[in-house]
Amino acid sequence: MRAALFILLLTVYIGVPTPQTAMAANPPETRIWYSADGYPELALPDGRKEVVRSMLNITKPMHYGNFVWNEDHIPQGPVWVRIDLTLQILSVFRGGHEIGSSVIVYGSDGKPTPTGTLAILEKDKDHYSRSYDAPMPYMLRLTNDGVAIHGSNVRKGWATHGCIGIPLEFARLLFAAANKGDTVAILGAGTKNTKFKRARLYETVPPRWLHGILRMFLRTH
């Protein structure tokens, strides 16, 4: 009974459409820091692993259109992007530190988003798609056939033609942080990954005792 209740409380939900707004990580602990002798690693689809030195401490609900960006006191370093289609979350890492996270929209069944370990092939701040007759601001192209990360209206029930849509302001920040050649790892819908679960997409804020369990889970997995 307790196990079933715990699983139920950990179920991920995404809320109703909301304006594209930035959220603040909860002060005073805006970041979860890991010990140098026990850095966790995230596996990329191609088998490589990336060390995680810290993550944003996000405990409030994130809805469609919400994002968090905080690079205060984070040194310069290599940037990579992790996209989890199951959780509909994009995370940006610099030098092993998570500096941004956003809810996304992605491709429908007819036009699925490709998965795997990709790289940014092109940057175009004011890109306009001739194929779809639509603006794609702050475009980071990932494939030769036009799949990209770009600013979008991120709303519940919406999908793309394979691209990854993110809130416009978040797209601007990511565009400034990322460079051509940076890695973008896309995990497919249904991928099991116990190393990167967190309470980000709750429709209601979980109770304080559940926050403690979740933080313990993050620090030990």
Foldseek 3Di string as FASTA:
>chain_A
DVVVVLVVLQDFDADFADAQEEDQQDPPPQKAAADPVDFDWDAFQVGDIDTAGMEGRHQFAAHFNYKYFACPPPDAAAKEWEAEPQNQKIWIDGPRYTGMMFRKAFADPVQAADFGKWWFADWDQFDADPVVRGTFGRWGATDPVGATEGEDRGGPPDHDNHHIYGHHVVSVVVSVRDDGGHIYGYDDHPDDDQQDRANHHDPGRDDPVVNVVRVVSNRPD
